[in-house]
């Protein structure tokens, strides 16, 4: 992946984390926590919902990352709620 690819991946993940934090109705982890969850969730979303990497769709990648981040935040909230 090129340098620009990494930057775009971080931007998409960051946006996904911020949006998923709003969607989870207060279940967020703060600004930086949501960005980290978004980046990891983007990878997770790409793993469970593979998108054609050659399509170049920013919005397709963003939707996939949001879905992954929401699922990841839900799982993390289940684990931390029991503590």
Protein backbone atom coordinates (compact mmCIF):
# COMPACT_ATOMS: atom_id res chain seq x y z
CA UNK A 1 0.00 0.00 0.00
CA UNK A 2 1.35 3.42 -0.90
CA UNK A 3 1.77 6.29 1.54
CA UNK A 4 -1.40 7.92 0.24
CA UNK A 5 -3.27 4.64 0.68
CA UNK A 6 -2.33 4.52 4.36
CA UNK A 7 -3.42 8.11 4.87
CA UNK A 8 -6.78 7.49 3.19
CA UNK A 9 -7.22 4.31 5.24
CA UNK A 10 -6.67 6.30 8.45
CA UNK A 11 -9.07 9.04 7.31
CA UNK A 12 -11.81 6.55 6.44
CA UNK A 13 -11.26 4.73 9.74
CA UNK A 14 -11.31 7.98 11.68
CA UNK A 15 -14.55 9.09 10.05
CA UNK A 16 -16.06 5.67 10.64
CA UNK A 17 -15.10 5.82 14.32
CA UNK A 18 -16.62 9.26 14.77
CA UNK A 19 -19.85 8.27 13.00
CA UNK A 20 -20.13 4.95 14.83
CA UNK A 21 -19.62 6.75 18.15
CA UNK A 22 -22.66 8.91 17.32
CA UNK A 23 -24.69 5.90 16.14
CA UNK A 24 -24.08 3.94 19.33
CA UNK A 25 -25.91 6.62 21.39
CA UNK A 26 -23.32 7.49 23.96
CA UNK A 27 -21.47 4.18 23.80
CA UNK A 28 -18.42 5.91 22.35
CA UNK A 29 -14.92 5.99 23.76
CA UNK A 30 -14.07 9.67 23.27
CA UNK A 31 -12.57 11.28 20.19
CA UNK A 32 -9.29 9.36 20.00
CA UNK A 33 -10.81 6.11 21.21
CA UNK A 34 -13.49 6.31 18.53
CA UNK A 35 -10.86 6.97 15.86
CA UNK A 36 -8.86 3.94 16.96
CA UNK A 37 -12.01 1.81 17.07
CA UNK A 38 -12.89 3.14 13.60
CA UNK A 39 -9.53 2.18 12.13
CA UNK A 40 -9.65 -1.29 13.70
CA UNK A 41 -13.35 -1.54 12.81
CA UNK A 42 -12.53 -0.63 9.22
CA UNK A 43 -10.15 -3.55 9.05
CA UNK A 44 -12.73 -5.77 10.76
CA UNK A 45 -15.49 -4.58 8.42
CA UNK A 46 -13.28 -5.27 5.41
CA UNK A 47 -12.70 -8.76 6.73
CA UNK A 48 -16.37 -9.61 7.32
CA UNK A 49 -17.75 -7.62 4.33
CA UNK A 50 -15.10 -7.74 1.63
CA UNK A 51 -15.40 -4.97 -0.96
CA UNK A 52 -13.71 -5.08 -4.34
CA UNK A 53 -10.47 -3.16 -3.69
CA UNK A 54 -10.34 -2.01 -7.31
CA UNK A 55 -13.75 -0.34 -7.22
CA UNK A 56 -12.22 2.75 -5.59
CA UNK A 57 -15.48 3.67 -3.90
CA UNK A 58 -14.82 5.98 -0.97
CA UNK A 59 -18.41 5.69 0.25
CA UNK A 60 -18.40 1.89 -0.03
CA UNK A 61 -15.25 1.76 2.05
CA UNK A 62 -16.72 4.23 4.55
CA UNK A 63 -19.96 2.24 4.95
CA UNK A 64 -17.98 -0.98 5.41
CA UNK A 65 -15.76 0.69 8.01
CA UNK A 66 -18.79 2.13 9.85
CA UNK A 67 -20.44 -1.30 10.01
CA UNK A 68 -17.21 -2.85 11.32
CA UNK A 69 -16.73 -0.06 13.87
CA UNK A 70 -20.31 -0.33 15.16
CA UNK A 71 -19.96 -4.10 15.56
CA UNK A 72 -16.60 -3.67 17.29
CA UNK A 73 -17.95 -0.98 19.65
CA UNK A 74 -20.90 -3.21 20.48
CA UNK A 75 -18.59 -6.14 21.29
CA UNK A 76 -16.27 -3.95 23.39
CA UNK A 77 -19.25 -2.49 25.28
CA UNK A 78 -20.48 -6.02 26.06
CA UNK A 79 -17.09 -7.01 27.42
CA UNK A 80 -16.55 -3.84 29.47
CA UNK A 81 -20.13 -3.73 30.80
CA UNK A 82 -19.57 -6.93 32.79
CA UNK A 83 -16.62 -5.44 34.66
